[in-house]
Amino acid sequence: MDHVLVSGDAPKDPADRLSEELQSLKSSSGLTYARISEHTHYAKSSWERWVNGKQFPPRDAVERIAAVCQADERRLLELWALAEACRTSPAAPAAAAGAAGRSGAPGEGDAASQDRRQMALWSLTVLALALTAGLARSVAQGRELRRGTLPGGGL
């Protein structure tokens, strides 16, 4: 049996288990974040965030650290896939929010994804305004051209 729960202990979140596994790999390899970065082409600051559980790592990074540390890639990727499924399932944000004492409304998502959605919405709004302004200017210039009142003596 992989995990034995001591009385009163809750099962660990798969993302936490992945982070612990990455910490263990780093420690046992004796490599610094800088050396891992050199071998994997990911920034050492990214490795620090992933290993310490501050941010969820991409699948490719997990594959690369497994190769660098000569770890069981299949087992590590299974743990990554389980953690990813928990993070992206519709129940995951509600469960995480409920555990943190927030409202946990379904479909809320994490703060980072909400920030990305809001940034995308603002970007689309600015683009729409710019296109509208450009269209209005073109229409106005077309009218001036037909009237022969375009500044600069247009054709």
N, C-alpha and C. Protein backbone atom coordinates (compact mmCIF):
# COMPACT_ATOMS: atom_id res chain seq x y z
N MET A 1 0.85 -1.18 0.00
CA MET A 1 0.00 0.00 0.00
C MET A 1 0.89 1.23 0.00
N ASP A 2 0.61 2.18 -0.86
CA ASP A 2 1.43 3.38 -1.00
C ASP A 2 1.35 4.32 0.19
N HIS A 3 0.14 4.64 0.62
CA HIS A 3 -0.05 5.68 1.62
C HIS A 3 -0.80 5.13 2.82
N VAL A 4 -0.20 5.24 3.99
CA VAL A 4 -0.85 4.85 5.21
C VAL A 4 -1.18 6.12 5.96
N LEU A 5 -2.44 6.29 6.31
CA LEU A 5 -2.86 7.49 7.02
C LEU A 5 -2.75 7.27 8.51
N VAL A 6 -2.09 8.21 9.17
CA VAL A 6 -2.04 8.19 10.62
C VAL A 6 -3.35 8.79 11.09
N SER A 7 -3.87 8.30 12.18
CA SER A 7 -5.16 8.78 12.70
C SER A 7 -5.22 10.29 12.71
N GLY A 8 -6.27 10.85 12.09
CA GLY A 8 -6.46 12.29 12.05
C GLY A 8 -5.84 12.96 10.84
N ASP A 9 -4.97 12.26 10.10
CA ASP A 9 -4.36 12.86 8.92
C ASP A 9 -5.30 12.74 7.73
N ALA A 10 -5.37 13.80 6.94
CA ALA A 10 -6.16 13.77 5.71
C ALA A 10 -5.26 13.38 4.56
N PRO A 11 -5.82 12.72 3.52
CA PRO A 11 -4.99 12.40 2.36
C PRO A 11 -4.45 13.67 1.74
N LYS A 12 -3.23 13.60 1.24
CA LYS A 12 -2.60 14.78 0.63
C LYS A 12 -3.15 15.02 -0.76
N ASP A 13 -3.22 16.29 -1.09
CA ASP A 13 -3.60 16.72 -2.42
C ASP A 13 -2.56 16.20 -3.40
N PRO A 14 -2.97 15.70 -4.58
CA PRO A 14 -2.01 15.18 -5.55
C PRO A 14 -0.95 16.23 -5.97
N ALA A 15 -1.35 17.50 -6.04
CA ALA A 15 -0.38 18.54 -6.39
C ALA A 15 0.67 18.68 -5.29
N ASP A 16 0.25 18.54 -4.03
CA ASP A 16 1.21 18.58 -2.92
C ASP A 16 2.15 17.38 -2.97
N ARG A 17 1.59 16.22 -3.30
CA ARG A 17 2.42 15.02 -3.43
C ARG A 17 3.42 15.17 -4.56
N LEU A 18 2.98 15.79 -5.68
CA LEU A 18 3.89 16.02 -6.79
C LEU A 18 5.02 16.96 -6.37
N SER A 19 4.67 18.02 -5.68
CA SER A 19 5.68 18.96 -5.19
C SER A 19 6.69 18.26 -4.28
N GLU A 20 6.19 17.42 -3.37
CA GLU A 20 7.07 16.67 -2.48
C GLU A 20 8.00 15.75 -3.26
N GLU A 21 7.44 15.12 -4.30
CA GLU A 21 8.24 14.22 -5.13
C GLU A 21 9.35 15.01 -5.86
N LEU A 22 8.99 16.19 -6.37
CA LEU A 22 9.99 17.03 -7.05
C LEU A 22 11.08 17.47 -6.06
N GLN A 23 10.66 17.81 -4.83
CA GLN A 23 11.64 18.19 -3.80
C GLN A 23 12.58 17.04 -3.51
N SER A 24 12.01 15.85 -3.41
CA SER A 24 12.82 14.66 -3.15
C SER A 24 13.81 14.40 -4.28
N LEU A 25 13.34 14.54 -5.52
CA LEU A 25 14.23 14.34 -6.67
C LEU A 25 15.38 15.34 -6.66
N LYS A 26 15.05 16.60 -6.41
CA LYS A 26 16.08 17.64 -6.38
C LYS A 26 17.09 17.35 -5.29
N SER A 27 16.61 17.02 -4.10
CA SER A 27 17.50 16.75 -2.97
C SER A 27 18.41 15.55 -3.25
N SER A 28 17.80 14.46 -3.73
CA SER A 28 18.60 13.25 -3.96
C SER A 28 19.58 13.41 -5.12
N SER A 29 19.27 14.29 -6.06
CA SER A 29 20.18 14.49 -7.20
C SER A 29 21.39 15.34 -6.82
N GLY A 30 21.22 16.18 -5.80
CA GLY A 30 22.30 17.08 -5.40
C GLY A 30 22.44 18.27 -6.33
N LEU A 31 21.51 18.43 -7.26
CA LEU A 31 21.58 19.52 -8.22
C LEU A 31 20.95 20.79 -7.65
N THR A 32 21.51 21.92 -8.01
CA THR A 32 20.92 23.21 -7.65
C THR A 32 19.85 23.55 -8.69
N TYR A 33 19.05 24.55 -8.38
CA TYR A 33 18.06 25.00 -9.36
C TYR A 33 18.75 25.47 -10.64
N ALA A 34 19.90 26.11 -10.49
CA ALA A 34 20.64 26.59 -11.66
C ALA A 34 21.08 25.43 -12.55
N ARG A 35 21.56 24.34 -11.94
CA ARG A 35 22.00 23.18 -12.73
C ARG A 35 20.80 22.48 -13.39
N ILE A 36 19.71 22.37 -12.65
CA ILE A 36 18.50 21.78 -13.24
C ILE A 36 18.05 22.63 -14.43
N SER A 37 18.13 23.93 -14.25
CA SER A 37 17.74 24.86 -15.32
C SER A 37 18.60 24.65 -16.56
N GLU A 38 19.90 24.49 -16.37
CA GLU A 38 20.81 24.28 -17.50
C GLU A 38 20.46 23.01 -18.27
N HIS A 39 20.05 21.97 -17.55
CA HIS A 39 19.75 20.68 -18.18
C HIS A 39 18.35 20.60 -18.78
N THR A 40 17.45 21.49 -18.35
CA THR A 40 16.05 21.38 -18.78
C THR A 40 15.58 22.56 -19.61
N HIS A 41 16.33 23.62 -19.65
CA HIS A 41 15.98 24.83 -20.39
C HIS A 41 14.76 25.55 -19.82
N TYR A 42 14.47 25.33 -18.54
CA TYR A 42 13.47 26.11 -17.82
C TYR A 42 14.23 26.97 -16.82
N ALA A 43 13.71 28.14 -16.53
CA ALA A 43 14.38 29.07 -15.62
C ALA A 43 14.48 28.49 -14.21
N LYS A 44 15.57 28.84 -13.53
CA LYS A 44 15.73 28.33 -12.16
C LYS A 44 14.63 28.86 -11.24
N SER A 45 14.12 30.07 -11.51
CA SER A 45 13.03 30.61 -10.70
C SER A 45 11.76 29.78 -10.91
N SER A 46 11.55 29.29 -12.12
CA SER A 46 10.39 28.42 -12.38
C SER A 46 10.54 27.13 -11.59
N TRP A 47 11.73 26.55 -11.60
CA TRP A 47 11.96 25.32 -10.85
C TRP A 47 11.72 25.53 -9.36
N GLU A 48 12.13 26.66 -8.84
CA GLU A 48 11.92 26.95 -7.42
C GLU A 48 10.43 26.99 -7.11
N ARG A 49 9.64 27.62 -7.97
CA ARG A 49 8.18 27.70 -7.75
C ARG A 49 7.54 26.31 -7.85
N TRP A 50 7.94 25.51 -8.84
CA TRP A 50 7.36 24.19 -9.04
C TRP A 50 7.72 23.24 -7.91
N VAL A 51 9.00 23.21 -7.56
CA VAL A 51 9.47 22.28 -6.53
C VAL A 51 8.87 22.62 -5.17
N ASN A 52 8.71 23.90 -4.88
CA ASN A 52 8.18 24.31 -3.59
C ASN A 52 6.65 24.41 -3.57
N GLY A 53 6.00 24.01 -4.67
CA GLY A 53 4.55 23.95 -4.70
C GLY A 53 3.86 25.30 -4.82
N LYS A 54 4.59 26.32 -5.20
CA LYS A 54 3.99 27.65 -5.36
C LYS A 54 3.22 27.76 -6.66
N GLN A 55 3.58 26.92 -7.64
CA GLN A 55 2.95 26.95 -8.95
C GLN A 55 2.97 25.52 -9.49
N PHE A 56 1.96 25.18 -10.29
CA PHE A 56 1.88 23.83 -10.85
C PHE A 56 2.77 23.75 -12.10
N PRO A 57 3.61 22.71 -12.20
CA PRO A 57 4.54 22.62 -13.34
C PRO A 57 3.88 22.09 -14.61
N PRO A 58 4.39 22.49 -15.78
CA PRO A 58 3.90 21.89 -17.02
C PRO A 58 4.39 20.44 -17.14
N ARG A 59 3.68 19.65 -17.91
CA ARG A 59 4.01 18.23 -18.07
C ARG A 59 5.44 18.05 -18.59
N ASP A 60 5.82 18.87 -19.56
CA ASP A 60 7.15 18.77 -20.15
C ASP A 60 8.25 18.96 -19.10
N ALA A 61 8.04 19.86 -18.17
CA ALA A 61 9.04 20.10 -17.12
C ALA A 61 9.20 18.86 -16.25
N VAL A 62 8.08 18.21 -15.95
CA VAL A 62 8.13 16.99 -15.14
C VAL A 62 8.87 15.88 -15.89
N GLU A 63 8.62 15.77 -17.19
CA GLU A 63 9.35 14.79 -18.00
C GLU A 63 10.85 15.08 -17.97
N ARG A 64 11.19 16.35 -18.11
CA ARG A 64 12.61 16.72 -18.17
C ARG A 64 13.34 16.49 -16.85
N ILE A 65 12.70 16.83 -15.72
CA ILE A 65 13.38 16.63 -14.45
C ILE A 65 13.52 15.14 -14.16
N ALA A 66 12.55 14.34 -14.59
CA ALA A 66 12.66 12.90 -14.42
C ALA A 66 13.88 12.37 -15.18
N ALA A 67 14.06 12.87 -16.40
CA ALA A 67 15.21 12.43 -17.20
C ALA A 67 16.53 12.89 -16.57
N VAL A 68 16.58 14.14 -16.14
CA VAL A 68 17.81 14.69 -15.55
C VAL A 68 18.18 13.96 -14.27
N CYS A 69 17.19 13.66 -13.46
CA CYS A 69 17.43 13.01 -12.16
C CYS A 69 17.38 11.49 -12.24
N GLN A 70 17.19 10.96 -13.44
CA GLN A 70 17.10 9.52 -13.68
C GLN A 70 16.05 8.87 -12.78
N ALA A 71 14.88 9.48 -12.75
CA ALA A 71 13.77 9.00 -11.93
C ALA A 71 12.80 8.20 -12.79
N ASP A 72 11.85 7.55 -12.14
CA ASP A 72 10.82 6.79 -12.83
C ASP A 72 9.83 7.78 -13.46
N GLU A 73 10.05 8.07 -14.75
CA GLU A 73 9.24 9.07 -15.45
C GLU A 73 7.76 8.68 -15.47
N ARG A 74 7.47 7.41 -15.69
CA ARG A 74 6.08 6.96 -15.78
C ARG A 74 5.34 7.25 -14.48
N ARG A 75 5.92 6.91 -13.35
CA ARG A 75 5.27 7.13 -12.06
C ARG A 75 5.09 8.62 -11.79
N LEU A 76 6.10 9.41 -12.11
CA LEU A 76 6.02 10.86 -11.90
C LEU A 76 4.95 11.49 -12.79
N LEU A 77 4.85 11.03 -14.03
CA LEU A 77 3.83 11.56 -14.94
C LEU A 77 2.42 11.12 -14.54
N GLU A 78 2.30 9.93 -13.96
CA GLU A 78 0.99 9.50 -13.45
C GLU A 78 0.55 10.42 -12.32
N LEU A 79 1.48 10.76 -11.43
CA LEU A 79 1.17 11.68 -10.34
C LEU A 79 0.82 13.06 -10.89
N TRP A 80 1.57 13.51 -11.90
CA TRP A 80 1.28 14.81 -12.53
C TRP A 80 -0.14 14.79 -13.14
N ALA A 81 -0.47 13.71 -13.86
CA ALA A 81 -1.78 13.62 -14.51
C ALA A 81 -2.91 13.62 -13.47
N LEU A 82 -2.72 12.94 -12.36
CA LEU A 82 -3.72 12.93 -11.29
C LEU A 82 -3.88 14.33 -10.71
N ALA A 83 -2.77 15.01 -10.46
CA ALA A 83 -2.82 16.37 -9.92
C ALA A 83 -3.48 17.32 -10.91
N GLU A 84 -3.15 17.17 -12.19
CA GLU A 84 -3.75 18.02 -13.23
C GLU A 84 -5.24 17.79 -13.32
N ALA A 85 -5.66 16.54 -13.24
CA ALA A 85 -7.09 16.22 -13.31
C ALA A 85 -7.83 16.84 -12.12
N CYS A 86 -7.23 16.79 -10.96
CA CYS A 86 -7.86 17.39 -9.77
C CYS A 86 -7.94 18.91 -9.90
N ARG A 87 -6.90 19.49 -10.50
CA ARG A 87 -6.88 20.95 -10.67
C ARG A 87 -7.91 21.43 -11.67
N THR A 88 -8.16 20.65 -12.71
CA THR A 88 -8.98 21.13 -13.82
C THR A 88 -10.40 20.58 -13.81
N SER A 89 -10.71 19.64 -12.90
CA SER A 89 -12.07 19.12 -12.87
C SER A 89 -13.01 20.19 -12.31
N PRO A 90 -14.28 20.18 -12.72
CA PRO A 90 -15.22 21.20 -12.25
C PRO A 90 -15.34 21.24 -10.73
N ALA A 91 -15.18 20.11 -10.06
CA ALA A 91 -15.31 20.09 -8.60
C ALA A 91 -14.07 20.61 -7.90
N ALA A 92 -12.92 20.62 -8.58
CA ALA A 92 -11.67 21.01 -7.93
C ALA A 92 -11.69 22.44 -7.42
N PRO A 93 -12.09 23.45 -8.20
CA PRO A 93 -12.08 24.81 -7.65
C PRO A 93 -13.04 24.96 -6.48
N ALA A 94 -14.21 24.31 -6.53
CA ALA A 94 -15.16 24.41 -5.44
C ALA A 94 -14.61 23.75 -4.19
N ALA A 95 -13.97 22.59 -4.35
CA ALA A 95 -13.40 21.90 -3.20
C ALA A 95 -12.26 22.70 -2.60
N ALA A 96 -11.41 23.25 -3.45
CA ALA A 96 -10.29 24.06 -2.97
C ALA A 96 -10.79 25.32 -2.28
N ALA A 97 -11.80 25.94 -2.84
CA ALA A 97 -12.35 27.16 -2.25
C ALA A 97 -13.02 26.84 -0.93
N GLY A 98 -13.75 25.72 -0.87
CA GLY A 98 -14.40 25.34 0.37
C GLY A 98 -13.38 25.05 1.46
N ALA A 99 -12.29 24.41 1.11
CA ALA A 99 -11.24 24.11 2.08
C ALA A 99 -10.58 25.38 2.58
N ALA A 100 -10.53 26.40 1.74
CA ALA A 100 -9.90 27.66 2.14
C ALA A 100 -10.90 28.60 2.80
N GLY A 101 -12.17 28.18 2.90
CA GLY A 101 -13.16 29.01 3.56
C GLY A 101 -13.80 30.04 2.66
N ARG A 102 -13.64 29.90 1.35
CA ARG A 102 -14.28 30.83 0.42
C ARG A 102 -15.62 30.28 0.00
N SER A 103 -16.34 31.04 -0.82
CA SER A 103 -17.69 30.65 -1.22
C SER A 103 -17.72 29.36 -2.01
N GLY A 104 -16.79 29.14 -2.93
CA GLY A 104 -16.70 27.91 -3.68
C GLY A 104 -17.80 27.72 -4.69
N ALA A 105 -18.28 28.77 -5.30
CA ALA A 105 -19.30 28.64 -6.32
C ALA A 105 -18.76 27.85 -7.49
N PRO A 106 -19.55 26.94 -8.07
CA PRO A 106 -19.07 26.15 -9.20
C PRO A 106 -18.63 27.03 -10.35
N GLY A 107 -17.52 26.64 -10.99
CA GLY A 107 -17.03 27.36 -12.16
C GLY A 107 -16.25 28.62 -11.84
N GLU A 108 -15.93 28.83 -10.55
CA GLU A 108 -15.22 30.05 -10.19
C GLU A 108 -13.78 30.06 -10.69
N GLY A 109 -13.07 28.94 -10.64
CA GLY A 109 -11.69 28.89 -11.07
C GLY A 109 -10.77 29.59 -10.10
N ASP A 110 -9.47 29.49 -10.33
CA ASP A 110 -8.53 30.14 -9.43
C ASP A 110 -8.31 31.59 -9.82
N ALA A 111 -7.65 32.33 -8.94
CA ALA A 111 -7.45 33.77 -9.15
C ALA A 111 -6.65 34.04 -10.42
N ALA A 112 -5.65 33.20 -10.70
CA ALA A 112 -4.82 33.43 -11.89
C ALA A 112 -5.65 33.29 -13.17
N SER A 113 -6.52 32.28 -13.23
CA SER A 113 -7.32 32.13 -14.45
C SER A 113 -8.35 33.25 -14.57
N GLN A 114 -8.87 33.72 -13.44
CA GLN A 114 -9.78 34.86 -13.48
C GLN A 114 -9.05 36.10 -13.96
N ASP A 115 -7.82 36.29 -13.51
CA ASP A 115 -7.02 37.44 -13.97
C ASP A 115 -6.77 37.35 -15.47
N ARG A 116 -6.48 36.14 -15.97
CA ARG A 116 -6.25 35.97 -17.42
C ARG A 116 -7.51 36.27 -18.21
N ARG A 117 -8.66 35.81 -17.71
CA ARG A 117 -9.92 36.09 -18.39
C ARG A 117 -10.20 37.59 -18.40
N GLN A 118 -9.96 38.25 -17.27
CA GLN A 118 -10.21 39.69 -17.20
C GLN A 118 -9.26 40.44 -18.14
N MET A 119 -7.99 40.03 -18.21
CA MET A 119 -7.03 40.67 -19.11
C MET A 119 -7.45 40.46 -20.56
N ALA A 120 -7.93 39.27 -20.89
CA ALA A 120 -8.39 39.00 -22.25
C ALA A 120 -9.60 39.86 -22.59
N LEU A 121 -10.50 40.02 -21.65
CA LEU A 121 -11.68 40.86 -21.87
C LEU A 121 -11.28 42.31 -22.10
N TRP A 122 -10.36 42.82 -21.28
CA TRP A 122 -9.89 44.20 -21.46
C TRP A 122 -9.19 44.36 -22.81
N SER A 123 -8.39 43.38 -23.18
CA SER A 123 -7.68 43.44 -24.46
C SER A 123 -8.67 43.49 -25.63
N LEU A 124 -9.70 42.66 -25.55
CA LEU A 124 -10.72 42.66 -26.61
C LEU A 124 -11.49 43.97 -26.64
N THR A 125 -11.74 44.55 -25.47
CA THR A 125 -12.44 45.84 -25.41
C THR A 125 -11.61 46.94 -26.06
N VAL A 126 -10.32 46.98 -25.73
CA VAL A 126 -9.43 47.99 -26.32
C VAL A 126 -9.34 47.79 -27.83
N LEU A 127 -9.23 46.56 -28.27
CA LEU A 127 -9.17 46.28 -29.70
C LEU A 127 -10.45 46.74 -30.39
N ALA A 128 -11.60 46.45 -29.80
CA ALA A 128 -12.88 46.87 -30.39
C ALA A 128 -12.96 48.39 -30.47
N LEU A 129 -12.52 49.08 -29.42
CA LEU A 129 -12.53 50.55 -29.44
C LEU A 129 -11.60 51.10 -30.53
N ALA A 130 -10.43 50.50 -30.66
CA ALA A 130 -9.48 50.95 -31.67
C ALA A 130 -10.04 50.73 -33.08
N LEU A 131 -10.65 49.58 -33.29
CA LEU A 131 -11.24 49.31 -34.61
C LEU A 131 -12.40 50.26 -34.90
N THR A 132 -13.21 50.52 -33.89
CA THR A 132 -14.33 51.45 -34.06
C THR A 132 -13.83 52.85 -34.39
N ALA A 133 -12.80 53.30 -33.68
CA ALA A 133 -12.23 54.63 -33.95
C ALA A 133 -11.65 54.69 -35.36
N GLY A 134 -10.95 53.64 -35.76
CA GLY A 134 -10.38 53.60 -37.11
C GLY A 134 -11.45 53.61 -38.18
N LEU A 135 -12.51 52.86 -37.95
CA LEU A 135 -13.63 52.83 -38.90
C LEU A 135 -14.29 54.19 -38.98
N ALA A 136 -14.52 54.83 -37.84
CA ALA A 136 -15.15 56.15 -37.82
C ALA A 136 -14.28 57.16 -38.57
N ARG A 137 -12.99 57.07 -38.38
CA ARG A 137 -12.08 58.00 -39.08
C ARG A 137 -12.13 57.76 -40.59
N SER A 138 -12.14 56.48 -40.98
CA SER A 138 -12.20 56.17 -42.41
C SER A 138 -13.49 56.67 -43.04
N VAL A 139 -14.60 56.51 -42.33
CA VAL A 139 -15.89 56.98 -42.84
C VAL A 139 -15.85 58.50 -42.98
N ALA A 140 -15.32 59.18 -41.97
CA ALA A 140 -15.25 60.64 -42.02
C ALA A 140 -14.35 61.11 -43.17
N GLN A 141 -13.22 60.45 -43.36
CA GLN A 141 -12.33 60.83 -44.46
C GLN A 141 -12.98 60.56 -45.81
N GLY A 142 -13.74 59.47 -45.90
CA GLY A 142 -14.45 59.16 -47.14
C GLY A 142 -15.47 60.25 -47.47
N ARG A 143 -16.16 60.74 -46.47
CA ARG A 143 -17.14 61.81 -46.69
C ARG A 143 -16.42 63.09 -47.13
N GLU A 144 -15.31 63.41 -46.46
CA GLU A 144 -14.57 64.61 -46.83
C GLU A 144 -14.01 64.49 -48.24
N LEU A 145 -13.58 63.31 -48.61
CA LEU A 145 -13.03 63.08 -49.94
C LEU A 145 -14.12 63.30 -51.00
N ARG A 146 -15.32 62.79 -50.73
CA ARG A 146 -16.42 62.98 -51.68
C ARG A 146 -16.81 64.45 -51.79
N ARG A 147 -16.70 65.19 -50.70
CA ARG A 147 -17.04 66.60 -50.72
C ARG A 147 -15.89 67.45 -51.24
N GLY A 148 -14.72 66.85 -51.35
CA GLY A 148 -13.54 67.62 -51.78
C GLY A 148 -12.97 68.49 -50.69
N THR A 149 -13.25 68.17 -49.43
CA THR A 149 -12.78 68.99 -48.31
C THR A 149 -11.71 68.29 -47.49
N LEU A 150 -11.11 67.23 -48.03
CA LEU A 150 -10.07 66.50 -47.30
C LEU A 150 -8.85 67.41 -47.14
N PRO A 151 -8.36 67.56 -45.92
CA PRO A 151 -7.18 68.40 -45.71
C PRO A 151 -6.01 67.91 -46.55
N GLY A 152 -5.22 68.81 -47.05
CA GLY A 152 -4.06 68.46 -47.87
C GLY A 152 -4.42 68.31 -49.34
N GLY A 153 -5.63 68.62 -49.71
CA GLY A 153 -6.02 68.59 -51.12
C GLY A 153 -6.03 67.21 -51.69
N GLY A 154 -6.55 66.21 -50.95
CA GLY A 154 -6.57 64.83 -51.39
C GLY A 154 -7.22 64.68 -52.76
N LEU A 155 -6.97 63.53 -53.37
CA LEU A 155 -7.48 63.27 -54.72
C LEU A 155 -8.95 63.11 -54.78
